[in-house]
Amino acid sequence: MAKEQDSKYQKLLLGLLFDGIGMLSFAIPGIGEFSDVIWAPLAAWLMTRMYKGRAGQVAGTIAFVEELVPGWDFVPSFTLMWVFTYFIAPKK
């Protein structure tokens, strides 16, 4: 049980870090949106590695689109996926 709890909170911390990285483009006007072209596929890949199965694939696609659309960087997709996984999704 302790290992499962560690993994749960490790994913939360990583998700917060990745959401913060995604929001960095707001800090650099002009250049920031260009960085999203690099960050979007990386964020999608990271999401599919953190969350397996169909849910991870859907979340990866959403993260990719969210990072590419200008002005949507404020959406914390990794954190939202963590909340979905541990509080909303049906338990197996």
PDB file of N, CA and C in Angstrom:
ATOM      1  N   MET A   1       0.821  -1.199   0.000  1.00  0.00           N
ATOM      2  CA  MET A   1       0.000   0.000   0.000  1.00  0.00           C
ATOM      3  C   MET A   1       0.865   1.263   0.000  1.00  0.00           C
ATOM      4  N   ALA A   2       1.979   1.222   0.736  1.00  0.00           N
ATOM      5  CA  ALA A   2       2.836   2.407   0.820  1.00  0.00           C
ATOM      6  C   ALA A   2       3.458   2.728  -0.532  1.00  0.00           C
ATOM      7  N   LYS A   3       3.838   1.696  -1.287  1.00  0.00           N
ATOM      8  CA  LYS A   3       4.433   1.921  -2.597  1.00  0.00           C
ATOM      9  C   LYS A   3       3.414   2.553  -3.546  1.00  0.00           C
ATOM     10  N   GLU A   4       2.173   2.104  -3.467  1.00  0.00           N
ATOM     11  CA  GLU A   4       1.104   2.676  -4.296  1.00  0.00           C
ATOM     12  C   GLU A   4       0.889   4.149  -3.945  1.00  0.00           C
ATOM     13  N   GLN A   5       0.920   4.485  -2.660  1.00  0.00           N
ATOM     14  CA  GLN A   5       0.768   5.876  -2.218  1.00  0.00           C
ATOM     15  C   GLN A   5       1.933   6.725  -2.712  1.00  0.00           C
ATOM     16  N   ASP A   6       3.158   6.167  -2.640  1.00  0.00           N
ATOM     17  CA  ASP A   6       4.333   6.897  -3.123  1.00  0.00           C
ATOM     18  C   ASP A   6       4.203   7.203  -4.607  1.00  0.00           C
ATOM     19  N   SER A   7       3.772   6.208  -5.383  1.00  0.00           N
ATOM     20  CA  SER A   7       3.604   6.387  -6.821  1.00  0.00           C
ATOM     21  C   SER A   7       2.529   7.435  -7.110  1.00  0.00           C
ATOM     22  N   LYS A   8       1.465   7.396  -6.333  1.00  0.00           N
ATOM     23  CA  LYS A   8       0.364   8.349  -6.504  1.00  0.00           C
ATOM     24  C   LYS A   8       0.859   9.781  -6.324  1.00  0.00           C
ATOM     25  N   TYR A   9       1.592  10.028  -5.269  1.00  0.00           N
ATOM     26  CA  TYR A   9       2.053  11.391  -4.995  1.00  0.00           C
ATOM     27  C   TYR A   9       3.255  11.778  -5.862  1.00  0.00           C
ATOM     28  N   GLN A  10       4.019  10.799  -6.312  1.00  0.00           N
ATOM     29  CA  GLN A  10       5.097  11.075  -7.256  1.00  0.00           C
ATOM     30  C   GLN A  10       4.494  11.576  -8.574  1.00  0.00           C
ATOM     31  N   LYS A  11       3.403  10.935  -9.007  1.00  0.00           N
ATOM     32  CA  LYS A  11       2.718  11.388 -10.227  1.00  0.00           C
ATOM     33  C   LYS A  11       2.151  12.788 -10.048  1.00  0.00           C
ATOM     34  N   LEU A  12       1.654  13.087  -8.866  1.00  0.00           N
ATOM     35  CA  LEU A  12       1.130  14.426  -8.616  1.00  0.00           C
ATOM     36  C   LEU A  12       2.243  15.469  -8.723  1.00  0.00           C
ATOM     37  N   LEU A  13       3.368  15.198  -8.077  1.00  0.00           N
ATOM     38  CA  LEU A  13       4.491  16.151  -8.127  1.00  0.00           C
ATOM     39  C   LEU A  13       5.025  16.321  -9.546  1.00  0.00           C
ATOM     40  N   LEU A  14       5.163  15.221 -10.267  1.00  0.00           N
ATOM     41  CA  LEU A  14       5.610  15.318 -11.657  1.00  0.00           C
ATOM     42  C   LEU A  14       4.595  16.081 -12.501  1.00  0.00           C
ATOM     43  N   GLY A  15       3.320  15.813 -12.268  1.00  0.00           N
ATOM     44  CA  GLY A  15       2.269  16.516 -12.998  1.00  0.00           C
ATOM     45  C   GLY A  15       2.296  18.010 -12.747  1.00  0.00           C
ATOM     46  N   LEU A  16       2.499  18.401 -11.506  1.00  0.00           N
ATOM     47  CA  LEU A  16       2.598  19.829 -11.190  1.00  0.00           C
ATOM     48  C   LEU A  16       3.808  20.457 -11.873  1.00  0.00           C
ATOM     49  N   LEU A  17       4.920  19.730 -11.883  1.00  0.00           N
ATOM     50  CA  LEU A  17       6.123  20.212 -12.564  1.00  0.00           C
ATOM     51  C   LEU A  17       5.861  20.379 -14.063  1.00  0.00           C
ATOM     52  N   PHE A  18       5.266  19.363 -14.677  1.00  0.00           N
ATOM     53  CA  PHE A  18       5.011  19.419 -16.120  1.00  0.00           C
ATOM     54  C   PHE A  18       3.989  20.504 -16.467  1.00  0.00           C
ATOM     55  N   ASP A  19       2.982  20.692 -15.627  1.00  0.00           N
ATOM     56  CA  ASP A  19       2.028  21.783 -15.856  1.00  0.00           C
ATOM     57  C   ASP A  19       2.736  23.131 -15.755  1.00  0.00           C
ATOM     58  N   GLY A  20       3.656  23.243 -14.810  1.00  0.00           N
ATOM     59  CA  GLY A  20       4.429  24.480 -14.670  1.00  0.00           C
ATOM     60  C   GLY A  20       5.290  24.747 -15.892  1.00  0.00           C
ATOM     61  N   ILE A  21       5.917  23.707 -16.414  1.00  0.00           N
ATOM     62  CA  ILE A  21       6.718  23.861 -17.630  1.00  0.00           C
ATOM     63  C   ILE A  21       5.834  24.314 -18.782  1.00  0.00           C
ATOM     64  N   GLY A  22       4.658  23.733 -18.893  1.00  0.00           N
ATOM     65  CA  GLY A  22       3.733  24.117 -19.959  1.00  0.00           C
ATOM     66  C   GLY A  22       3.287  25.561 -19.854  1.00  0.00           C
ATOM     67  N   MET A  23       3.202  26.077 -18.638  1.00  0.00           N
ATOM     68  CA  MET A  23       2.767  27.459 -18.428  1.00  0.00           C
ATOM     69  C   MET A  23       3.899  28.476 -18.600  1.00  0.00           C
ATOM     70  N   LEU A  24       5.125  28.005 -18.707  1.00  0.00           N
ATOM     71  CA  LEU A  24       6.271  28.909 -18.862  1.00  0.00           C
ATOM     72  C   LEU A  24       6.186  29.763 -20.126  1.00  0.00           C
ATOM     73  N   SER A  25       5.478  29.279 -21.125  1.00  0.00           N
ATOM     74  CA  SER A  25       5.409  30.042 -22.378  1.00  0.00           C
ATOM     75  C   SER A  25       4.713  31.390 -22.174  1.00  0.00           C
ATOM     76  N   PHE A  26       3.916  31.510 -21.128  1.00  0.00           N
ATOM     77  CA  PHE A  26       3.299  32.805 -20.804  1.00  0.00           C
ATOM     78  C   PHE A  26       4.357  33.810 -20.354  1.00  0.00           C
ATOM     79  N   ALA A  27       5.460  33.317 -19.818  1.00  0.00           N
ATOM     80  CA  ALA A  27       6.500  34.192 -19.267  1.00  0.00           C
ATOM     81  C   ALA A  27       7.375  34.833 -20.353  1.00  0.00           C
ATOM     82  N   ILE A  28       7.383  34.239 -21.528  1.00  0.00           N
ATOM     83  CA  ILE A  28       8.240  34.749 -22.600  1.00  0.00           C
ATOM     84  C   ILE A  28       7.364  35.118 -23.803  1.00  0.00           C
ATOM     85  N   PRO A  29       6.872  36.350 -23.855  1.00  0.00           N
ATOM     86  CA  PRO A  29       6.000  36.742 -24.967  1.00  0.00           C
ATOM     87  C   PRO A  29       6.691  36.565 -26.324  1.00  0.00           C
ATOM     88  N   GLY A  30       5.940  36.073 -27.294  1.00  0.00           N
ATOM     89  CA  GLY A  30       6.481  35.863 -28.636  1.00  0.00           C
ATOM     90  C   GLY A  30       7.202  34.544 -28.780  1.00  0.00           C
ATOM     91  N   ILE A  31       8.244  34.354 -28.011  1.00  0.00           N
ATOM     92  CA  ILE A  31       9.029  33.116 -28.067  1.00  0.00           C
ATOM     93  C   ILE A  31       8.269  31.971 -27.408  1.00  0.00           C
ATOM     94  N   GLY A  32       7.453  32.308 -26.441  1.00  0.00           N
ATOM     95  CA  GLY A  32       6.730  31.296 -25.678  1.00  0.00           C
ATOM     96  C   GLY A  32       5.863  30.396 -26.531  1.00  0.00           C
ATOM     97  N   GLU A  33       5.125  30.972 -27.454  1.00  0.00           N
ATOM     98  CA  GLU A  33       4.253  30.154 -28.292  1.00  0.00           C
ATOM     99  C   GLU A  33       5.061  29.226 -29.192  1.00  0.00           C
ATOM    100  N   PHE A  34       6.243  29.649 -29.615  1.00  0.00           N
ATOM    101  CA  PHE A  34       7.106  28.775 -30.403  1.00  0.00           C
ATOM    102  C   PHE A  34       7.550  27.576 -29.564  1.00  0.00           C
ATOM    103  N   SER A  35       7.812  27.804 -28.288  1.00  0.00           N
ATOM    104  CA  SER A  35       8.244  26.708 -27.422  1.00  0.00           C
ATOM    105  C   SER A  35       7.152  25.646 -27.272  1.00  0.00           C
ATOM    106  N   ASP A  36       5.900  26.053 -27.447  1.00  0.00           N
ATOM    107  CA  ASP A  36       4.804  25.090 -27.370  1.00  0.00           C
ATOM    108  C   ASP A  36       4.878  24.052 -28.481  1.00  0.00           C
ATOM    109  N   VAL A  37       5.438  24.412 -29.607  1.00  0.00           N
ATOM    110  CA  VAL A  37       5.589  23.461 -30.711  1.00  0.00           C
ATOM    111  C   VAL A  37       6.515  22.320 -30.290  1.00  0.00           C
ATOM    112  N   ILE A  38       7.471  22.622 -29.442  1.00  0.00           N
ATOM    113  CA  ILE A  38       8.388  21.602 -28.930  1.00  0.00           C
ATOM    114  C   ILE A  38       7.771  20.882 -27.731  1.00  0.00           C
ATOM    115  N   TRP A  39       7.124  21.639 -26.847  1.00  0.00           N
ATOM    116  CA  TRP A  39       6.591  21.066 -25.615  1.00  0.00           C
ATOM    117  C   TRP A  39       5.362  20.187 -25.859  1.00  0.00           C
ATOM    118  N   ALA A  40       4.514  20.516 -26.825  1.00  0.00           N
ATOM    119  CA  ALA A  40       3.261  19.781 -27.042  1.00  0.00           C
ATOM    120  C   ALA A  40       3.486  18.283 -27.280  1.00  0.00           C
ATOM    121  N   PRO A  41       4.339  17.885 -28.209  1.00  0.00           N
ATOM    122  CA  PRO A  41       4.526  16.432 -28.385  1.00  0.00           C
ATOM    123  C   PRO A  41       5.217  15.779 -27.190  1.00  0.00           C
ATOM    124  N   LEU A  42       6.102  16.512 -26.539  1.00  0.00           N
ATOM    125  CA  LEU A  42       6.766  15.967 -25.353  1.00  0.00           C
ATOM    126  C   LEU A  42       5.757  15.766 -24.218  1.00  0.00           C
ATOM    127  N   ALA A  43       4.874  16.740 -24.024  1.00  0.00           N
ATOM    128  CA  ALA A  43       3.847  16.622 -22.985  1.00  0.00           C
ATOM    129  C   ALA A  43       2.926  15.436 -23.273  1.00  0.00           C
ATOM    130  N   ALA A  44       2.548  15.266 -24.532  1.00  0.00           N
ATOM    131  CA  ALA A  44       1.691  14.140 -24.900  1.00  0.00           C
ATOM    132  C   ALA A  44       2.388  12.815 -24.615  1.00  0.00           C
ATOM    133  N   TRP A  45       3.655  12.725 -24.961  1.00  0.00           N
ATOM    134  CA  TRP A  45       4.410  11.501 -24.721  1.00  0.00           C
ATOM    135  C   TRP A  45       4.536  11.214 -23.226  1.00  0.00           C
ATOM    136  N   LEU A  46       4.850  12.251 -22.443  1.00  0.00           N
ATOM    137  CA  LEU A  46       4.968  12.084 -20.991  1.00  0.00           C
ATOM    138  C   LEU A  46       3.647  11.623 -20.380  1.00  0.00           C
ATOM    139  N   MET A  47       2.551  12.196 -20.850  1.00  0.00           N
ATOM    140  CA  MET A  47       1.228  11.825 -20.328  1.00  0.00           C
ATOM    141  C   MET A  47       0.949  10.347 -20.588  1.00  0.00           C
ATOM    142  N   THR A  48       1.263   9.867 -21.799  1.00  0.00           N
ATOM    143  CA  THR A  48       0.999   8.458 -22.102  1.00  0.00           C
ATOM    144  C   THR A  48       1.919   7.525 -21.325  1.00  0.00           C
ATOM    145  N   ARG A  49       3.068   8.007 -20.888  1.00  0.00           N
ATOM    146  CA  ARG A  49       3.967   7.181 -20.073  1.00  0.00           C
ATOM    147  C   ARG A  49       3.523   7.163 -18.612  1.00  0.00           C
ATOM    148  N   MET A  50       2.981   8.265 -18.148  1.00  0.00           N
ATOM    149  CA  MET A  50       2.536   8.333 -16.747  1.00  0.00           C
ATOM    150  C   MET A  50       1.235   7.579 -16.525  1.00  0.00           C
ATOM    151  N   TYR A  51       0.347   7.620 -17.506  1.00  0.00           N
ATOM    152  CA  TYR A  51      -0.976   7.002 -17.382  1.00  0.00           C
ATOM    153  C   TYR A  51      -1.173   6.040 -18.541  1.00  0.00           C
ATOM    154  N   LYS A  52      -1.208   4.780 -18.237  1.00  0.00           N
ATOM    155  CA  LYS A  52      -1.285   3.736 -19.255  1.00  0.00           C
ATOM    156  C   LYS A  52      -2.714   3.554 -19.767  1.00  0.00           C
ATOM    157  N   GLY A  53      -2.823   2.830 -20.846  1.00  0.00           N
ATOM    158  CA  GLY A  53      -4.123   2.451 -21.383  1.00  0.00           C
ATOM    159  C   GLY A  53      -4.816   3.560 -22.155  1.00  0.00           C
ATOM    160  N   ARG A  54      -6.089   3.343 -22.367  1.00  0.00           N
ATOM    161  CA  ARG A  54      -6.898   4.268 -23.160  1.00  0.00           C
ATOM    162  C   ARG A  54      -6.979   5.647 -22.514  1.00  0.00           C
ATOM    163  N   ALA A  55      -7.103   5.686 -21.204  1.00  0.00           N
ATOM    164  CA  ALA A  55      -7.182   6.982 -20.512  1.00  0.00           C
ATOM    165  C   ALA A  55      -5.916   7.798 -20.741  1.00  0.00           C
ATOM    166  N   GLY A  56      -4.764   7.164 -20.708  1.00  0.00           N
ATOM    167  CA  GLY A  56      -3.506   7.857 -20.956  1.00  0.00           C
ATOM    168  C   GLY A  56      -3.386   8.345 -22.385  1.00  0.00           C
ATOM    169  N   GLN A  57      -3.887   7.557 -23.332  1.00  0.00           N
ATOM    170  CA  GLN A  57      -3.857   7.965 -24.738  1.00  0.00           C
ATOM    171  C   GLN A  57      -4.759   9.175 -24.978  1.00  0.00           C
ATOM    172  N   VAL A  58      -5.943   9.136 -24.395  1.00  0.00           N
ATOM    173  CA  VAL A  58      -6.866  10.275 -24.536  1.00  0.00           C
ATOM    174  C   VAL A  58      -6.274  11.511 -23.868  1.00  0.00           C
ATOM    175  N   ALA A  59      -5.729  11.338 -22.674  1.00  0.00           N
ATOM    176  CA  ALA A  59      -5.120  12.471 -21.959  1.00  0.00           C
ATOM    177  C   ALA A  59      -3.919  13.014 -22.722  1.00  0.00           C
ATOM    178  N   GLY A  60      -3.141  12.149 -23.341  1.00  0.00           N
ATOM    179  CA  GLY A  60      -2.000  12.593 -24.141  1.00  0.00           C
ATOM    180  C   GLY A  60      -2.445  13.430 -25.333  1.00  0.00           C
ATOM    181  N   THR A  61      -3.514  13.004 -25.975  1.00  0.00           N
ATOM    182  CA  THR A  61      -4.057  13.763 -27.106  1.00  0.00           C
ATOM    183  C   THR A  61      -4.562  15.121 -26.645  1.00  0.00           C
ATOM    184  N   ILE A  62      -5.271  15.137 -25.529  1.00  0.00           N
ATOM    185  CA  ILE A  62      -5.783  16.403 -24.986  1.00  0.00           C
ATOM    186  C   ILE A  62      -4.621  17.325 -24.607  1.00  0.00           C
ATOM    187  N   ALA A  63      -3.599  16.773 -23.969  1.00  0.00           N
ATOM    188  CA  ALA A  63      -2.430  17.585 -23.586  1.00  0.00           C
ATOM    189  C   ALA A  63      -1.750  18.163 -24.824  1.00  0.00           C
ATOM    190  N   PHE A  64      -1.635  17.367 -25.873  1.00  0.00           N
ATOM    191  CA  PHE A  64      -1.016  17.828 -27.113  1.00  0.00           C
ATOM    192  C   PHE A  64      -1.786  19.014 -27.702  1.00  0.00           C
ATOM    193  N   VAL A  65      -3.088  18.853 -27.818  1.00  0.00           N
ATOM    194  CA  VAL A  65      -3.921  19.915 -28.393  1.00  0.00           C
ATOM    195  C   VAL A  65      -3.912  21.148 -27.490  1.00  0.00           C
ATOM    196  N   GLU A  66      -4.035  20.928 -26.199  1.00  0.00           N
ATOM    197  CA  GLU A  66      -4.066  22.040 -25.236  1.00  0.00           C
ATOM    198  C   GLU A  66      -2.781  22.861 -25.295  1.00  0.00           C
ATOM    199  N   GLU A  67      -1.663  22.215 -25.467  1.00  0.00           N
ATOM    200  CA  GLU A  67      -0.384  22.936 -25.537  1.00  0.00           C
ATOM    201  C   GLU A  67      -0.208  23.668 -26.869  1.00  0.00           C
ATOM    202  N   LEU A  68      -0.774  23.144 -27.936  1.00  0.00           N
ATOM    203  CA  LEU A  68      -0.625  23.786 -29.243  1.00  0.00           C
ATOM    204  C   LEU A  68      -1.545  24.983 -29.441  1.00  0.00           C
ATOM    205  N   VAL A  69      -2.730  24.956 -28.824  1.00  0.00           N
ATOM    206  CA  VAL A  69      -3.688  26.049 -29.006  1.00  0.00           C
ATOM    207  C   VAL A  69      -3.198  27.274 -28.221  1.00  0.00           C
ATOM    208  N   PRO A  70      -2.982  28.385 -28.911  1.00  0.00           N
ATOM    209  CA  PRO A  70      -2.506  29.596 -28.222  1.00  0.00           C
ATOM    210  C   PRO A  70      -3.476  30.048 -27.124  1.00  0.00           C
ATOM    211  N   GLY A  71      -2.917  30.359 -25.973  1.00  0.00           N
ATOM    212  CA  GLY A  71      -3.719  30.862 -24.868  1.00  0.00           C
ATOM    213  C   GLY A  71      -4.304  29.802 -23.954  1.00  0.00           C
ATOM    214  N   TRP A  72      -4.146  28.539 -24.286  1.00  0.00           N
ATOM    215  CA  TRP A  72      -4.716  27.466 -23.459  1.00  0.00           C
ATOM    216  C   TRP A  72      -3.696  26.841 -22.519  1.00  0.00           C
ATOM    217  N   ASP A  73      -2.524  27.425 -22.424  1.00  0.00           N
ATOM    218  CA  ASP A  73      -1.471  26.848 -21.586  1.00  0.00           C
ATOM    219  C   ASP A  73      -1.809  26.855 -20.099  1.00  0.00           C
ATOM    220  N   PHE A  74      -2.777  27.633 -19.723  1.00  0.00           N
ATOM    221  CA  PHE A  74      -3.140  27.709 -18.303  1.00  0.00           C
ATOM    222  C   PHE A  74      -3.859  26.456 -17.816  1.00  0.00           C
ATOM    223  N   VAL A  75      -4.349  25.623 -18.723  1.00  0.00           N
ATOM    224  CA  VAL A  75      -5.074  24.406 -18.337  1.00  0.00           C
ATOM    225  C   VAL A  75      -4.075  23.396 -17.771  1.00  0.00           C
ATOM    226  N   PRO A  76      -4.244  22.988 -16.521  1.00  0.00           N
ATOM    227  CA  PRO A  76      -3.303  22.038 -15.907  1.00  0.00           C
ATOM    228  C   PRO A  76      -3.668  20.587 -16.252  1.00  0.00           C
ATOM    229  N   SER A  77      -3.382  20.181 -17.467  1.00  0.00           N
ATOM    230  CA  SER A  77      -3.831  18.876 -17.955  1.00  0.00           C
ATOM    231  C   SER A  77      -3.258  17.700 -17.153  1.00  0.00           C
ATOM    232  N   PHE A  78      -2.017  17.781 -16.729  1.00  0.00           N
ATOM    233  CA  PHE A  78      -1.433  16.684 -15.939  1.00  0.00           C
ATOM    234  C   PHE A  78      -2.119  16.573 -14.573  1.00  0.00           C
ATOM    235  N   THR A  79      -2.370  17.697 -13.954  1.00  0.00           N
ATOM    236  CA  THR A  79      -3.032  17.692 -12.647  1.00  0.00           C
ATOM    237  C   THR A  79      -4.479  17.217 -12.775  1.00  0.00           C
ATOM    238  N   LEU A  80      -5.147  17.654 -13.816  1.00  0.00           N
ATOM    239  CA  LEU A  80      -6.530  17.208 -14.041  1.00  0.00           C
ATOM    240  C   LEU A  80      -6.590  15.700 -14.276  1.00  0.00           C
ATOM    241  N   MET A  81      -5.616  15.168 -14.995  1.00  0.00           N
ATOM    242  CA  MET A  81      -5.577  13.720 -15.221  1.00  0.00           C
ATOM    243  C   MET A  81      -5.315  12.982 -13.919  1.00  0.00           C
ATOM    244  N   TRP A  82      -4.494  13.536 -13.068  1.00  0.00           N
ATOM    245  CA  TRP A  82      -4.235  12.911 -11.770  1.00  0.00           C
ATOM    246  C   TRP A  82      -5.527  12.872 -10.944  1.00  0.00           C
ATOM    247  N   VAL A  83      -6.247  13.977 -10.913  1.00  0.00           N
ATOM    248  CA  VAL A  83      -7.522  14.025 -10.181  1.00  0.00           C
ATOM    249  C   VAL A  83      -8.497  13.010 -10.766  1.00  0.00           C
ATOM    250  N   PHE A  84      -8.576  12.961 -12.088  1.00  0.00           N
ATOM    251  CA  PHE A  84      -9.463  11.991 -12.739  1.00  0.00           C
ATOM    252  C   PHE A  84      -9.091  10.563 -12.344  1.00  0.00           C
ATOM    253  N   THR A  85      -7.798  10.251 -12.419  1.00  0.00           N
ATOM    254  CA  THR A  85      -7.329   8.891 -12.154  1.00  0.00           C
ATOM    255  C   THR A  85      -7.596   8.448 -10.724  1.00  0.00           C
ATOM    256  N   TYR A  86      -7.345   9.323  -9.762  1.00  0.00           N
ATOM    257  CA  TYR A  86      -7.409   8.906  -8.360  1.00  0.00           C
ATOM    258  C   TYR A  86      -8.697   9.271  -7.629  1.00  0.00           C
ATOM    259  N   PHE A  87      -9.540  10.108  -8.222  1.00  0.00           N
ATOM    260  CA  PHE A  87     -10.757  10.501  -7.516  1.00  0.00           C
ATOM    261  C   PHE A  87     -12.043  10.315  -8.323  1.00  0.00           C
ATOM    262  N   ILE A  88     -11.957  10.325  -9.645  1.00  0.00           N
ATOM    263  CA  ILE A  88     -13.171  10.275 -10.450  1.00  0.00           C
ATOM    264  C   ILE A  88     -13.362   8.930 -11.140  1.00  0.00           C
ATOM    265  N   ALA A  89     -12.305   8.404 -11.726  1.00  0.00           N
ATOM    266  CA  ALA A  89     -12.395   7.144 -12.493  1.00  0.00           C
ATOM    267  C   ALA A  89     -12.840   6.015 -11.580  1.00  0.00           C
ATOM    268  N   PRO A  90     -13.628   5.116 -12.127  1.00  0.00           N
ATOM    269  CA  PRO A  90     -14.059   3.963 -11.312  1.00  0.00           C
ATOM    270  C   PRO A  90     -12.864   3.090 -10.928  1.00  0.00           C
ATOM    271  N   LYS A  91     -12.885   2.614  -9.720  1.00  0.00           N
ATOM    272  CA  LYS A  91     -11.803   1.750  -9.221  1.00  0.00           C
ATOM    273  C   LYS A  91     -11.974   0.358  -9.781  1.00  0.00           C
ATOM    274  N   LYS A  92     -10.821  -0.295 -10.065  1.00  0.00           N
ATOM    275  CA  LYS A  92     -10.870  -1.673 -10.579  1.00  0.00           C
ATOM    276  C   LYS A  92     -10.844  -2.666  -9.457  1.00  0.00           C
TER     277      LYS A  92
END
